[in-house]
Amino acid sequence: MGRIEHIGDATLYLGDCLEILPTLGKVDAVVTDPPYGIDYGRGGGFSATHGWGPWRENVGWDSTRPCREVFDSMRAISKEQIIWGGNYFSDYLPPSMGYLVWDKGQRNFSLADCELAWRSERKAARVFNFSRGAAMQDGKEHPTQKPVAVMQWCLGFLPTAETILDPFMGSGTTGVACANLGRRFIGIEIEPKYFDIACRRIELAYQQPRLFEDEKPAAPKPQELGI
């Protein structure tokens, strides 16, 4: 474990989640976007239109998937889970009827038209329409960075979850969403560069007025997100 930072209601760990997860107590929910192991950057997807241009070959973190033990640990310490890239981890996770879909609003692009999140709760699958252009308004400091709006949408499916864990924090989007919606957050990131970015983004989020002060957040409505 390299560093621990406390920012608002967020506790951020620099280190390997495989080592840190067993040291944590129970949390209400895991909301995360693990590396999918597709090694896309090294596979030649370096053009700016692919979204990987600035990173080039510096994507070693995506060369392999996390091991099954990490997924078992995430499920063991949390009541509910939302795991992006669920279609890449179908051999690790049980069948689910409650997949979440981020529709990017553009077809036949060089990258996927949508992304899928595995959801532990046995409820109907849901779709969130949010364009690539709108997503870029967050600024892109990680090649697979999710929009804050998408992660806030995820939190809307967890209305009673007070403490959210993201073992693959990346640039900290889940933590920003938690700060916006008044949730406690625990984040783990192994790359020092992205850990520092996450700390900065989450600290900036806490400097902004909260979206909700005294009530549990619901899923954001499309008109509230400028869709």
C-alpha atoms as a PDB file:
ATOM      1  CA  MET A   1       0.000   0.000   0.000  1.00  0.00           C
ATOM      2  CA  GLY A   2       1.721   3.158  -1.213  1.00  0.00           C
ATOM      3  CA  ARG A   3      -0.403   6.097  -0.020  1.00  0.00           C
ATOM      4  CA  ILE A   4      -3.709   6.849   1.625  1.00  0.00           C
ATOM      5  CA  GLU A   5      -5.459  10.159   0.999  1.00  0.00           C
ATOM      6  CA  HIS A   6      -8.580  11.446   2.736  1.00  0.00           C
ATOM      7  CA  ILE A   7     -10.576  14.004   0.736  1.00  0.00           C
ATOM      8  CA  GLY A   8     -13.999  14.920   2.050  1.00  0.00           C
ATOM      9  CA  ASP A   9     -15.899  11.655   2.514  1.00  0.00           C
ATOM     10  CA  ALA A  10     -13.480   9.833   0.198  1.00  0.00           C
ATOM     11  CA  THR A  11     -10.626   7.532   1.216  1.00  0.00           C
ATOM     12  CA  LEU A  12      -8.214   6.809  -1.629  1.00  0.00           C
ATOM     13  CA  TYR A  13      -5.589   4.062  -1.660  1.00  0.00           C
ATOM     14  CA  LEU A  14      -2.573   3.897  -3.971  1.00  0.00           C
ATOM     15  CA  GLY A  15      -1.761   0.234  -4.405  1.00  0.00           C
ATOM     16  CA  ASP A  16      -2.856  -3.165  -5.701  1.00  0.00           C
ATOM     17  CA  CYS A  17      -6.531  -3.867  -5.013  1.00  0.00           C
ATOM     18  CA  LEU A  18      -5.773  -7.580  -4.653  1.00  0.00           C
ATOM     19  CA  GLU A  19      -3.722  -6.704  -1.559  1.00  0.00           C
ATOM     20  CA  ILE A  20      -5.938  -3.885  -0.249  1.00  0.00           C
ATOM     21  CA  LEU A  21      -9.410  -5.436  -0.609  1.00  0.00           C
ATOM     22  CA  PRO A  22      -8.885  -7.995   2.197  1.00  0.00           C
ATOM     23  CA  THR A  23      -7.979  -5.149   4.583  1.00  0.00           C
ATOM     24  CA  LEU A  24     -11.268  -3.312   4.056  1.00  0.00           C
ATOM     25  CA  GLY A  25     -14.459  -3.894   5.978  1.00  0.00           C
ATOM     26  CA  LYS A  26     -17.869  -4.413   4.433  1.00  0.00           C
ATOM     27  CA  VAL A  27     -19.182  -1.763   2.040  1.00  0.00           C
ATOM     28  CA  ASP A  28     -22.648  -1.209   0.656  1.00  0.00           C
ATOM     29  CA  ALA A  29     -21.798  -1.461  -3.028  1.00  0.00           C
ATOM     30  CA  VAL A  30     -19.030  -1.771  -5.599  1.00  0.00           C
ATOM     31  CA  VAL A  31     -19.256   0.422  -8.700  1.00  0.00           C
ATOM     32  CA  THR A  32     -16.239  -0.060 -10.924  1.00  0.00           C
ATOM     33  CA  ASP A  33     -14.800  -0.242 -14.438  1.00  0.00           C
ATOM     34  CA  PRO A  34     -11.938  -2.801 -14.427  1.00  0.00           C
ATOM     35  CA  PRO A  35      -9.442  -3.234 -17.255  1.00  0.00           C
ATOM     36  CA  TYR A  36     -11.065  -5.392 -19.909  1.00  0.00           C
ATOM     37  CA  GLY A  37      -7.803  -7.035 -21.001  1.00  0.00           C
ATOM     38  CA  ILE A  38      -8.310  -6.301 -24.691  1.00  0.00           C
ATOM     39  CA  ASP A  39      -4.891  -4.598 -25.009  1.00  0.00           C
ATOM     40  CA  TYR A  40      -6.421  -2.299 -27.612  1.00  0.00           C
ATOM     41  CA  GLY A  41      -3.715   0.357 -27.487  1.00  0.00           C
ATOM     42  CA  ARG A  42      -0.926  -2.106 -28.251  1.00  0.00           C
ATOM     43  CA  GLY A  43      -3.111  -3.672 -30.933  1.00  0.00           C
ATOM     44  CA  GLY A  44      -2.725  -0.623 -33.150  1.00  0.00           C
ATOM     45  CA  GLY A  45      -5.585   1.586 -31.996  1.00  0.00           C
ATOM     46  CA  PHE A  46      -3.441   4.676 -31.643  1.00  0.00           C
ATOM     47  CA  SER A  47      -5.364   7.180 -33.718  1.00  0.00           C
ATOM     48  CA  ALA A  48      -7.049  10.158 -32.114  1.00  0.00           C
ATOM     49  CA  THR A  49     -10.388   8.981 -33.530  1.00  0.00           C
ATOM     50  CA  HIS A  50     -10.012   5.791 -31.523  1.00  0.00           C
ATOM     51  CA  GLY A  51      -9.550   7.821 -28.359  1.00  0.00           C
ATOM     52  CA  TRP A  52      -6.164   6.288 -27.552  1.00  0.00           C
ATOM     53  CA  GLY A  53      -3.888   8.698 -29.425  1.00  0.00           C
ATOM     54  CA  PRO A  54      -2.274  10.520 -26.451  1.00  0.00           C
ATOM     55  CA  TRP A  55      -1.561   7.268 -24.601  1.00  0.00           C
ATOM     56  CA  ARG A  56       0.045   5.244 -27.376  1.00  0.00           C
ATOM     57  CA  GLU A  57       1.595   2.085 -25.942  1.00  0.00           C
ATOM     58  CA  ASN A  58       1.361   3.262 -22.320  1.00  0.00           C
ATOM     59  CA  VAL A  59      -1.565   0.952 -21.603  1.00  0.00           C
ATOM     60  CA  GLY A  60       0.119  -1.971 -19.868  1.00  0.00           C
ATOM     61  CA  TRP A  61      -2.673  -1.926 -17.287  1.00  0.00           C
ATOM     62  CA  ASP A  62      -5.044  -3.220 -20.011  1.00  0.00           C
ATOM     63  CA  SER A  63      -2.858  -6.064 -21.230  1.00  0.00           C
ATOM     64  CA  THR A  64      -4.687  -8.665 -19.111  1.00  0.00           C
ATOM     65  CA  ARG A  65      -7.925  -8.939 -17.159  1.00  0.00           C
ATOM     66  CA  PRO A  66      -7.908  -8.866 -13.362  1.00  0.00           C
ATOM     67  CA  CYS A  67      -7.919 -12.351 -11.859  1.00  0.00           C
ATOM     68  CA  ARG A  68     -11.035 -14.128 -10.610  1.00  0.00           C
ATOM     69  CA  GLU A  69      -9.919 -13.631  -6.994  1.00  0.00           C
ATOM     70  CA  VAL A  70     -10.456  -9.873  -7.325  1.00  0.00           C
ATOM     71  CA  PHE A  71     -14.047 -10.368  -8.494  1.00  0.00           C
ATOM     72  CA  ASP A  72     -14.707 -12.865  -5.713  1.00  0.00           C
ATOM     73  CA  SER A  73     -13.364 -10.351  -3.178  1.00  0.00           C
ATOM     74  CA  MET A  74     -15.479  -7.497  -4.576  1.00  0.00           C
ATOM     75  CA  ARG A  75     -18.625  -9.594  -4.317  1.00  0.00           C
ATOM     76  CA  ALA A  76     -17.735 -10.905  -0.841  1.00  0.00           C
ATOM     77  CA  ILE A  77     -17.331  -7.491   0.805  1.00  0.00           C
ATOM     78  CA  SER A  78     -20.316  -5.712  -0.796  1.00  0.00           C
ATOM     79  CA  LYS A  79     -24.065  -6.151  -0.872  1.00  0.00           C
ATOM     80  CA  GLU A  80     -24.471  -5.021  -4.477  1.00  0.00           C
ATOM     81  CA  GLN A  81     -22.196  -4.603  -7.478  1.00  0.00           C
ATOM     82  CA  ILE A  82     -22.206  -2.748 -10.794  1.00  0.00           C
ATOM     83  CA  ILE A  83     -19.226  -3.824 -12.886  1.00  0.00           C
ATOM     84  CA  TRP A  84     -18.596  -2.211 -16.271  1.00  0.00           C
ATOM     85  CA  GLY A  85     -17.270  -4.452 -19.003  1.00  0.00           C
ATOM     86  CA  GLY A  86     -19.423  -7.271 -17.697  1.00  0.00           C
ATOM     87  CA  ASN A  87     -19.395  -8.946 -21.111  1.00  0.00           C
ATOM     88  CA  TYR A  88     -15.616  -9.414 -20.713  1.00  0.00           C
ATOM     89  CA  PHE A  89     -16.021 -11.152 -17.356  1.00  0.00           C
ATOM     90  CA  SER A  90     -18.902 -13.547 -18.030  1.00  0.00           C
ATOM     91  CA  ASP A  91     -16.740 -16.489 -16.895  1.00  0.00           C
ATOM     92  CA  TYR A  92     -16.166 -14.769 -13.529  1.00  0.00           C
ATOM     93  CA  LEU A  93     -19.698 -13.531 -12.842  1.00  0.00           C
ATOM     94  CA  PRO A  94     -23.037 -15.342 -12.609  1.00  0.00           C
ATOM     95  CA  PRO A  95     -25.790 -14.709 -15.177  1.00  0.00           C
ATOM     96  CA  SER A  96     -27.631 -11.425 -14.634  1.00  0.00           C
ATOM     97  CA  MET A  97     -30.919 -10.074 -15.925  1.00  0.00           C
ATOM     98  CA  GLY A  98     -30.103  -6.524 -14.826  1.00  0.00           C
ATOM     99  CA  TYR A  99     -27.427  -5.378 -17.252  1.00  0.00           C
ATOM    100  CA  LEU A 100     -26.952  -1.622 -17.599  1.00  0.00           C
ATOM    101  CA  VAL A 101     -26.194  -0.236 -21.063  1.00  0.00           C
ATOM    102  CA  TRP A 102     -24.498   3.048 -21.901  1.00  0.00           C
ATOM    103  CA  ASP A 103     -25.631   3.885 -25.455  1.00  0.00           C
ATOM    104  CA  LYS A 104     -23.101   6.324 -26.936  1.00  0.00           C
ATOM    105  CA  GLY A 105     -25.535   7.591 -29.556  1.00  0.00           C
ATOM    106  CA  GLN A 106     -23.354   6.841 -32.578  1.00  0.00           C
ATOM    107  CA  ARG A 107     -23.293   3.765 -34.792  1.00  0.00           C
ATOM    108  CA  ASN A 108     -20.440   1.985 -36.587  1.00  0.00           C
ATOM    109  CA  PHE A 109     -17.779   4.121 -34.893  1.00  0.00           C
ATOM    110  CA  SER A 110     -14.269   2.684 -34.575  1.00  0.00           C
ATOM    111  CA  LEU A 111     -15.035   1.865 -30.924  1.00  0.00           C
ATOM    112  CA  ALA A 112     -18.118   0.179 -29.482  1.00  0.00           C
ATOM    113  CA  ASP A 113     -21.599   1.665 -29.965  1.00  0.00           C
ATOM    114  CA  CYS A 114     -22.342   0.924 -26.312  1.00  0.00           C
ATOM    115  CA  GLU A 115     -20.832  -0.482 -23.126  1.00  0.00           C
ATOM    116  CA  LEU A 116     -22.344  -3.050 -20.768  1.00  0.00           C
ATOM    117  CA  ALA A 117     -22.276  -3.197 -16.984  1.00  0.00           C
ATOM    118  CA  TRP A 118     -23.046  -6.389 -15.065  1.00  0.00           C
ATOM    119  CA  ARG A 119     -25.412  -5.718 -12.168  1.00  0.00           C
ATOM    120  CA  SER A 120     -25.965  -8.008  -9.197  1.00  0.00           C
ATOM    121  CA  GLU A 121     -29.529  -6.905  -8.473  1.00  0.00           C
ATOM    122  CA  ARG A 122     -32.191  -9.013 -10.159  1.00  0.00           C
ATOM    123  CA  LYS A 123     -34.101  -6.274 -11.921  1.00  0.00           C
ATOM    124  CA  ALA A 124     -34.795  -5.299 -15.512  1.00  0.00           C
ATOM    125  CA  ALA A 125     -31.991  -4.215 -17.836  1.00  0.00           C
ATOM    126  CA  ARG A 126     -31.790  -0.459 -18.417  1.00  0.00           C
ATOM    127  CA  VAL A 127     -30.270   1.823 -21.082  1.00  0.00           C
ATOM    128  CA  PHE A 128     -28.745   5.291 -20.636  1.00  0.00           C
ATOM    129  CA  ASN A 129     -28.356   7.464 -23.744  1.00  0.00           C
ATOM    130  CA  PHE A 130     -25.379   9.795 -23.442  1.00  0.00           C
ATOM    131  CA  SER A 131     -23.417  10.923 -26.491  1.00  0.00           C
ATOM    132  CA  ARG A 132     -19.668  10.749 -26.966  1.00  0.00           C
ATOM    133  CA  GLY A 133     -19.630  14.519 -27.436  1.00  0.00           C
ATOM    134  CA  ALA A 134     -21.347  15.106 -24.098  1.00  0.00           C
ATOM    135  CA  ALA A 135     -18.946  12.660 -22.457  1.00  0.00           C
ATOM    136  CA  MET A 136     -15.944  14.656 -23.671  1.00  0.00           C
ATOM    137  CA  GLN A 137     -17.137  17.697 -21.720  1.00  0.00           C
ATOM    138  CA  ASP A 138     -15.712  16.081 -18.565  1.00  0.00           C
ATOM    139  CA  GLY A 139     -12.232  16.252 -20.060  1.00  0.00           C
ATOM    140  CA  LYS A 140     -10.453  12.994 -20.828  1.00  0.00           C
ATOM    141  CA  GLU A 141      -7.497  12.146 -18.605  1.00  0.00           C
ATOM    142  CA  HIS A 142      -7.696   8.361 -18.977  1.00  0.00           C
ATOM    143  CA  PRO A 143      -8.292   6.456 -22.246  1.00  0.00           C
ATOM    144  CA  THR A 144     -11.263   4.495 -20.850  1.00  0.00           C
ATOM    145  CA  GLN A 145     -12.668   7.258 -18.628  1.00  0.00           C
ATOM    146  CA  LYS A 146     -16.423   7.010 -18.030  1.00  0.00           C
ATOM    147  CA  PRO A 147     -18.543  10.190 -17.992  1.00  0.00           C
ATOM    148  CA  VAL A 148     -19.551  11.462 -14.556  1.00  0.00           C
ATOM    149  CA  ALA A 149     -23.178  11.388 -15.737  1.00  0.00           C
ATOM    150  CA  VAL A 150     -22.948   7.648 -16.438  1.00  0.00           C
ATOM    151  CA  MET A 151     -21.579   6.896 -12.971  1.00  0.00           C
ATOM    152  CA  GLN A 152     -24.217   9.111 -11.333  1.00  0.00           C
ATOM    153  CA  TRP A 153     -26.819   7.135 -13.270  1.00  0.00           C
ATOM    154  CA  CYS A 154     -25.350   3.936 -11.808  1.00  0.00           C
ATOM    155  CA  LEU A 155     -25.585   5.323  -8.279  1.00  0.00           C
ATOM    156  CA  GLY A 156     -29.263   6.014  -8.855  1.00  0.00           C
ATOM    157  CA  PHE A 157     -29.806   2.234  -8.893  1.00  0.00           C
ATOM    158  CA  LEU A 158     -28.270   2.024  -5.418  1.00  0.00           C
ATOM    159  CA  PRO A 159     -30.450   4.456  -3.427  1.00  0.00           C
ATOM    160  CA  THR A 160     -29.671   2.950  -0.005  1.00  0.00           C
ATOM    161  CA  ALA A 161     -25.934   2.418  -0.564  1.00  0.00           C
ATOM    162  CA  GLU A 162     -24.054   4.922   1.586  1.00  0.00           C
ATOM    163  CA  THR A 163     -20.485   3.685   1.010  1.00  0.00           C
ATOM    164  CA  ILE A 164     -19.327   2.952  -2.546  1.00  0.00           C
ATOM    165  CA  LEU A 165     -16.101   1.118  -3.386  1.00  0.00           C
ATOM    166  CA  ASP A 166     -14.221   1.350  -6.696  1.00  0.00           C
ATOM    167  CA  PRO A 167     -11.171  -0.990  -6.691  1.00  0.00           C
ATOM    168  CA  PHE A 168     -10.148   0.227 -10.179  1.00  0.00           C
ATOM    169  CA  MET A 169     -10.505   3.956  -9.606  1.00  0.00           C
ATOM    170  CA  GLY A 170      -8.540   5.176 -12.634  1.00  0.00           C
ATOM    171  CA  SER A 171      -8.971   8.934 -12.957  1.00  0.00           C
ATOM    172  CA  GLY A 172     -11.579   8.973 -10.182  1.00  0.00           C
ATOM    173  CA  THR A 173     -14.911   9.358 -11.986  1.00  0.00           C
ATOM    174  CA  THR A 174     -16.814   7.152  -9.524  1.00  0.00           C
ATOM    175  CA  GLY A 175     -15.398   9.242  -6.687  1.00  0.00           C
ATOM    176  CA  VAL A 176     -16.486  12.471  -8.392  1.00  0.00           C
ATOM    177  CA  ALA A 177     -20.009  11.066  -8.797  1.00  0.00           C
ATOM    178  CA  CYS A 178     -20.061  10.110  -5.109  1.00  0.00           C
ATOM    179  CA  ALA A 179     -18.890  13.568  -4.077  1.00  0.00           C
ATOM    180  CA  ASN A 180     -21.622  15.141  -6.216  1.00  0.00           C
ATOM    181  CA  LEU A 181     -24.314  12.936  -4.700  1.00  0.00           C
ATOM    182  CA  GLY A 182     -23.203  12.866  -1.076  1.00  0.00           C
ATOM    183  CA  ARG A 183     -21.998   9.261  -0.884  1.00  0.00           C
ATOM    184  CA  ARG A 184     -18.968   8.006   1.007  1.00  0.00           C
ATOM    185  CA  PHE A 185     -16.323   6.660  -1.352  1.00  0.00           C
ATOM    186  CA  ILE A 186     -13.395   4.270  -1.169  1.00  0.00           C
ATOM    187  CA  GLY A 187     -11.129   4.157  -4.216  1.00  0.00           C
ATOM    188  CA  ILE A 188      -8.097   2.040  -5.082  1.00  0.00           C
ATOM    189  CA  GLU A 189      -5.705   2.748  -7.953  1.00  0.00           C
ATOM    190  CA  ILE A 190      -2.400   1.052  -8.731  1.00  0.00           C
ATOM    191  CA  GLU A 191      -0.972   3.649 -11.161  1.00  0.00           C
ATOM    192  CA  PRO A 192       0.545   6.689  -9.352  1.00  0.00           C
ATOM    193  CA  LYS A 193      -0.203   8.987 -12.313  1.00  0.00           C
ATOM    194  CA  TYR A 194      -3.910   8.202 -12.326  1.00  0.00           C
ATOM    195  CA  PHE A 195      -4.061   8.181  -8.526  1.00  0.00           C
ATOM    196  CA  ASP A 196      -2.855  11.794  -8.507  1.00  0.00           C
ATOM    197  CA  ILE A 197      -5.384  12.734 -11.202  1.00  0.00           C
ATOM    198  CA  ALA A 198      -8.171  11.086  -9.202  1.00  0.00           C
ATOM    199  CA  CYS A 199      -7.160  12.973  -6.051  1.00  0.00           C
ATOM    200  CA  ARG A 200      -7.279  16.270  -7.928  1.00  0.00           C
ATOM    201  CA  ARG A 201     -10.629  15.596  -9.616  1.00  0.00           C
ATOM    202  CA  ILE A 202     -12.295  14.443  -6.402  1.00  0.00           C
ATOM    203  CA  GLU A 203     -10.923  17.400  -4.459  1.00  0.00           C
ATOM    204  CA  LEU A 204     -12.319  19.762  -7.112  1.00  0.00           C
ATOM    205  CA  ALA A 205     -15.687  17.997  -6.898  1.00  0.00           C
ATOM    206  CA  TYR A 206     -15.824  18.633  -3.159  1.00  0.00           C
ATOM    207  CA  GLN A 207     -15.193  22.317  -3.777  1.00  0.00           C
ATOM    208  CA  GLN A 208     -18.415  22.530  -5.818  1.00  0.00           C
ATOM    209  CA  PRO A 209     -21.941  22.855  -4.346  1.00  0.00           C
ATOM    210  CA  ARG A 210     -23.493  19.466  -3.635  1.00  0.00           C
ATOM    211  CA  LEU A 211     -26.332  18.352  -5.893  1.00  0.00           C
ATOM    212  CA  PHE A 212     -28.167  16.896  -2.896  1.00  0.00           C
ATOM    213  CA  GLU A 213     -27.673  17.959   0.709  1.00  0.00           C
ATOM    214  CA  ASP A 214     -30.276  16.208   2.833  1.00  0.00           C
ATOM    215  CA  GLU A 215     -31.801  13.455   0.728  1.00  0.00           C
ATOM    216  CA  LYS A 216     -30.765  10.266  -0.998  1.00  0.00           C
ATOM    217  CA  PRO A 217     -30.074  10.834  -4.702  1.00  0.00           C
ATOM    218  CA  ALA A 218     -32.248   9.341  -7.396  1.00  0.00           C
ATOM    219  CA  ALA A 219     -31.113   8.504 -10.904  1.00  0.00           C
ATOM    220  CA  PRO A 220     -30.466  11.748 -12.836  1.00  0.00           C
ATOM    221  CA  LYS A 221     -33.214  12.642 -15.283  1.00  0.00           C
ATOM    222  CA  PRO A 222     -32.180  13.079 -18.931  1.00  0.00           C
ATOM    223  CA  GLN A 223     -33.143  16.763 -18.969  1.00  0.00           C
ATOM    224  CA  GLU A 224     -30.970  17.398 -15.909  1.00  0.00           C
ATOM    225  CA  LEU A 225     -27.978  16.008 -17.783  1.00  0.00           C
ATOM    226  CA  GLY A 226     -28.540  18.046 -20.950  1.00  0.00           C
ATOM    227  CA  ILE A 227     -29.498  15.083 -23.081  1.00  0.00           C
END
